[in-house]
Amino acid sequence: MVSKRVRMTFEPGLILEPVIYQLGHKFQIVTNIRMADVDEHVGWVVLELEGERDEIERALAWARELGVRVDDPTLGDIVDR
């Protein structure tokens, strides 16, 4: 098991889609939301993903294919437990 934090940015067409739920369900990983913000133009979330390294990478590749932008979190995005 590994843990990885990412920042995901969603375009308006994806904001209402259950992408985070599907990440956990399809790839058997744990998704913990650390910070999020949504408005009518864009939505973003900082997630901590936990699971097998290969499954996390597959899940992130799948999200990118949907059109989700996936980045490393910036210093201001980090929220301690």
N, C-alpha and C. Protein backbone atom coordinates (compact mmCIF):
# COMPACT_ATOMS: atom_id res chain seq x y z
N MET A 1 0.84 -1.18 0.00
CA MET A 1 0.00 0.00 0.00
C MET A 1 0.89 1.24 0.00
N VAL A 2 0.50 2.19 -0.84
CA VAL A 2 1.17 3.48 -0.89
C VAL A 2 0.13 4.58 -0.80
N SER A 3 0.60 5.78 -0.53
CA SER A 3 -0.24 6.96 -0.46
C SER A 3 0.32 7.99 -1.42
N LYS A 4 -0.57 8.65 -2.18
CA LYS A 4 -0.15 9.66 -3.12
C LYS A 4 -1.16 10.79 -3.11
N ARG A 5 -0.66 12.03 -3.01
CA ARG A 5 -1.54 13.20 -3.07
C ARG A 5 -1.46 13.80 -4.46
N VAL A 6 -2.62 14.17 -5.00
CA VAL A 6 -2.70 14.80 -6.31
C VAL A 6 -3.73 15.92 -6.26
N ARG A 7 -3.58 16.83 -7.20
CA ARG A 7 -4.59 17.89 -7.39
C ARG A 7 -5.26 17.60 -8.73
N MET A 8 -6.57 17.48 -8.72
CA MET A 8 -7.34 17.24 -9.93
C MET A 8 -8.17 18.48 -10.24
N THR A 9 -8.15 18.88 -11.51
CA THR A 9 -8.93 20.02 -11.96
C THR A 9 -9.94 19.53 -12.99
N PHE A 10 -11.20 19.87 -12.78
CA PHE A 10 -12.30 19.40 -13.61
C PHE A 10 -12.86 20.56 -14.43
N GLU A 11 -13.05 20.35 -15.71
CA GLU A 11 -13.73 21.30 -16.58
C GLU A 11 -15.23 21.27 -16.25
N PRO A 12 -15.98 22.29 -16.65
CA PRO A 12 -17.42 22.34 -16.30
C PRO A 12 -18.20 21.07 -16.64
N GLY A 13 -17.92 20.43 -17.76
CA GLY A 13 -18.66 19.23 -18.14
C GLY A 13 -18.40 18.03 -17.24
N LEU A 14 -17.33 18.07 -16.48
CA LEU A 14 -16.99 16.93 -15.61
C LEU A 14 -17.28 17.18 -14.13
N ILE A 15 -17.63 18.42 -13.78
CA ILE A 15 -17.80 18.75 -12.36
C ILE A 15 -18.88 17.88 -11.71
N LEU A 16 -19.96 17.62 -12.41
CA LEU A 16 -21.06 16.86 -11.82
C LEU A 16 -20.92 15.35 -12.00
N GLU A 17 -19.90 14.90 -12.70
CA GLU A 17 -19.68 13.46 -12.89
C GLU A 17 -19.06 12.85 -11.63
N PRO A 18 -19.39 11.61 -11.31
CA PRO A 18 -18.87 10.97 -10.09
C PRO A 18 -17.45 10.39 -10.28
N VAL A 19 -16.53 11.21 -10.76
CA VAL A 19 -15.19 10.72 -11.09
C VAL A 19 -14.46 10.20 -9.86
N ILE A 20 -14.53 10.92 -8.75
CA ILE A 20 -13.80 10.49 -7.55
C ILE A 20 -14.38 9.17 -7.02
N TYR A 21 -15.69 9.06 -7.00
CA TYR A 21 -16.31 7.80 -6.60
C TYR A 21 -15.86 6.67 -7.50
N GLN A 22 -15.87 6.90 -8.80
CA GLN A 22 -15.48 5.86 -9.75
C GLN A 22 -14.01 5.46 -9.59
N LEU A 23 -13.14 6.42 -9.26
CA LEU A 23 -11.73 6.08 -9.00
C LEU A 23 -11.62 5.01 -7.93
N GLY A 24 -12.31 5.24 -6.83
CA GLY A 24 -12.26 4.28 -5.73
C GLY A 24 -12.89 2.95 -6.09
N HIS A 25 -14.03 3.00 -6.75
CA HIS A 25 -14.78 1.79 -7.06
C HIS A 25 -14.11 0.95 -8.15
N LYS A 26 -13.71 1.58 -9.25
CA LYS A 26 -13.13 0.84 -10.38
C LYS A 26 -11.74 0.30 -10.11
N PHE A 27 -10.97 1.04 -9.29
CA PHE A 27 -9.56 0.70 -9.12
C PHE A 27 -9.22 0.24 -7.70
N GLN A 28 -10.23 0.08 -6.87
CA GLN A 28 -10.03 -0.43 -5.51
C GLN A 28 -8.98 0.37 -4.75
N ILE A 29 -9.12 1.70 -4.80
CA ILE A 29 -8.24 2.57 -4.03
C ILE A 29 -9.10 3.44 -3.11
N VAL A 30 -8.48 3.95 -2.06
CA VAL A 30 -9.16 4.83 -1.11
C VAL A 30 -8.93 6.26 -1.57
N THR A 31 -9.99 7.05 -1.62
CA THR A 31 -9.90 8.46 -2.03
C THR A 31 -10.31 9.35 -0.85
N ASN A 32 -9.37 10.10 -0.33
CA ASN A 32 -9.64 11.02 0.77
C ASN A 32 -9.51 12.45 0.26
N ILE A 33 -10.59 13.20 0.30
CA ILE A 33 -10.56 14.59 -0.14
C ILE A 33 -9.93 15.43 0.97
N ARG A 34 -8.90 16.18 0.62
CA ARG A 34 -8.19 17.04 1.58
C ARG A 34 -8.59 18.50 1.45
N MET A 35 -8.94 18.92 0.24
CA MET A 35 -9.33 20.30 -0.01
C MET A 35 -10.06 20.32 -1.35
N ALA A 36 -11.05 21.20 -1.49
CA ALA A 36 -11.78 21.28 -2.76
C ALA A 36 -12.43 22.64 -2.91
N ASP A 37 -12.69 23.00 -4.17
CA ASP A 37 -13.41 24.24 -4.48
C ASP A 37 -14.09 24.04 -5.84
N VAL A 38 -15.31 24.50 -5.94
CA VAL A 38 -16.08 24.36 -7.19
C VAL A 38 -16.84 25.66 -7.43
N ASP A 39 -16.83 26.12 -8.68
CA ASP A 39 -17.71 27.20 -9.09
C ASP A 39 -18.28 26.86 -10.46
N GLU A 40 -18.94 27.79 -11.11
CA GLU A 40 -19.59 27.46 -12.38
C GLU A 40 -18.60 27.25 -13.52
N HIS A 41 -17.34 27.62 -13.34
CA HIS A 41 -16.36 27.52 -14.42
C HIS A 41 -15.39 26.36 -14.28
N VAL A 42 -15.05 26.01 -13.07
CA VAL A 42 -14.04 24.98 -12.85
C VAL A 42 -14.18 24.42 -11.44
N GLY A 43 -13.75 23.19 -11.26
CA GLY A 43 -13.72 22.59 -9.95
C GLY A 43 -12.38 21.92 -9.75
N TRP A 44 -11.87 21.94 -8.53
CA TRP A 44 -10.62 21.24 -8.26
C TRP A 44 -10.70 20.58 -6.90
N VAL A 45 -9.87 19.57 -6.73
CA VAL A 45 -9.83 18.82 -5.48
C VAL A 45 -8.40 18.33 -5.25
N VAL A 46 -7.98 18.37 -4.01
CA VAL A 46 -6.73 17.73 -3.62
C VAL A 46 -7.13 16.41 -2.96
N LEU A 47 -6.66 15.32 -3.55
CA LEU A 47 -6.99 13.98 -3.06
C LEU A 47 -5.77 13.29 -2.52
N GLU A 48 -5.97 12.52 -1.48
CA GLU A 48 -4.94 11.57 -1.05
C GLU A 48 -5.45 10.20 -1.46
N LEU A 49 -4.72 9.55 -2.32
CA LEU A 49 -5.08 8.22 -2.82
C LEU A 49 -4.25 7.18 -2.09
N GLU A 50 -4.90 6.10 -1.68
CA GLU A 50 -4.20 5.02 -1.00
C GLU A 50 -4.56 3.71 -1.66
N GLY A 51 -3.55 2.90 -1.92
CA GLY A 51 -3.78 1.60 -2.53
C GLY A 51 -2.50 1.08 -3.15
N GLU A 52 -2.66 0.11 -4.02
CA GLU A 52 -1.50 -0.44 -4.73
C GLU A 52 -1.00 0.59 -5.73
N ARG A 53 0.31 0.75 -5.83
CA ARG A 53 0.92 1.75 -6.70
C ARG A 53 0.42 1.65 -8.14
N ASP A 54 0.39 0.43 -8.68
CA ASP A 54 -0.05 0.25 -10.07
C ASP A 54 -1.51 0.66 -10.27
N GLU A 55 -2.35 0.36 -9.29
CA GLU A 55 -3.76 0.72 -9.40
C GLU A 55 -3.94 2.24 -9.34
N ILE A 56 -3.17 2.90 -8.49
CA ILE A 56 -3.25 4.37 -8.42
C ILE A 56 -2.84 4.96 -9.77
N GLU A 57 -1.77 4.47 -10.35
CA GLU A 57 -1.32 4.99 -11.64
C GLU A 57 -2.34 4.72 -12.75
N ARG A 58 -2.95 3.53 -12.73
CA ARG A 58 -4.00 3.22 -13.71
C ARG A 58 -5.21 4.15 -13.53
N ALA A 59 -5.56 4.41 -12.27
CA ALA A 59 -6.70 5.29 -11.98
C ALA A 59 -6.43 6.71 -12.47
N LEU A 60 -5.22 7.20 -12.27
CA LEU A 60 -4.88 8.55 -12.72
C LEU A 60 -4.85 8.64 -14.24
N ALA A 61 -4.36 7.59 -14.89
CA ALA A 61 -4.36 7.56 -16.36
C ALA A 61 -5.80 7.59 -16.87
N TRP A 62 -6.68 6.84 -16.24
CA TRP A 62 -8.09 6.81 -16.61
C TRP A 62 -8.72 8.20 -16.45
N ALA A 63 -8.43 8.87 -15.34
CA ALA A 63 -8.97 10.21 -15.11
C ALA A 63 -8.48 11.18 -16.18
N ARG A 64 -7.21 11.08 -16.54
CA ARG A 64 -6.68 11.96 -17.59
C ARG A 64 -7.39 11.71 -18.92
N GLU A 65 -7.69 10.45 -19.21
CA GLU A 65 -8.41 10.12 -20.45
C GLU A 65 -9.79 10.77 -20.48
N LEU A 66 -10.41 10.92 -19.31
CA LEU A 66 -11.71 11.58 -19.23
C LEU A 66 -11.61 13.08 -19.46
N GLY A 67 -10.41 13.63 -19.31
CA GLY A 67 -10.22 15.07 -19.46
C GLY A 67 -9.92 15.79 -18.17
N VAL A 68 -9.69 15.03 -17.10
CA VAL A 68 -9.33 15.62 -15.81
C VAL A 68 -7.85 15.96 -15.84
N ARG A 69 -7.53 17.17 -15.40
CA ARG A 69 -6.12 17.55 -15.29
C ARG A 69 -5.60 17.05 -13.94
N VAL A 70 -4.48 16.34 -13.96
CA VAL A 70 -3.90 15.77 -12.74
C VAL A 70 -2.51 16.35 -12.56
N ASP A 71 -2.30 17.00 -11.40
CA ASP A 71 -1.01 17.61 -11.08
C ASP A 71 -0.60 17.21 -9.67
N ASP A 72 0.68 17.45 -9.36
CA ASP A 72 1.12 17.35 -7.98
C ASP A 72 0.51 18.53 -7.22
N PRO A 73 0.16 18.35 -5.95
CA PRO A 73 -0.36 19.48 -5.19
C PRO A 73 0.74 20.51 -4.96
N THR A 74 0.36 21.77 -4.90
CA THR A 74 1.32 22.83 -4.60
C THR A 74 1.39 23.01 -3.08
N LEU A 75 2.34 23.81 -2.65
CA LEU A 75 2.54 24.02 -1.21
C LEU A 75 1.27 24.49 -0.52
N GLY A 76 0.52 25.38 -1.16
CA GLY A 76 -0.72 25.87 -0.56
C GLY A 76 -1.83 24.85 -0.51
N ASP A 77 -1.68 23.75 -1.26
CA ASP A 77 -2.70 22.70 -1.30
C ASP A 77 -2.54 21.66 -0.19
N ILE A 78 -1.39 21.62 0.44
CA ILE A 78 -1.10 20.57 1.41
C ILE A 78 -1.83 20.86 2.72
N VAL A 79 -2.62 19.90 3.16
CA VAL A 79 -3.34 20.01 4.43
C VAL A 79 -2.93 18.81 5.26
N ASP A 80 -2.36 19.07 6.44
CA ASP A 80 -1.94 17.97 7.31
C ASP A 80 -3.16 17.27 7.88
N ARG A 81 -2.97 16.03 8.24
CA ARG A 81 -4.06 15.22 8.80
C ARG A 81 -4.53 15.74 10.11
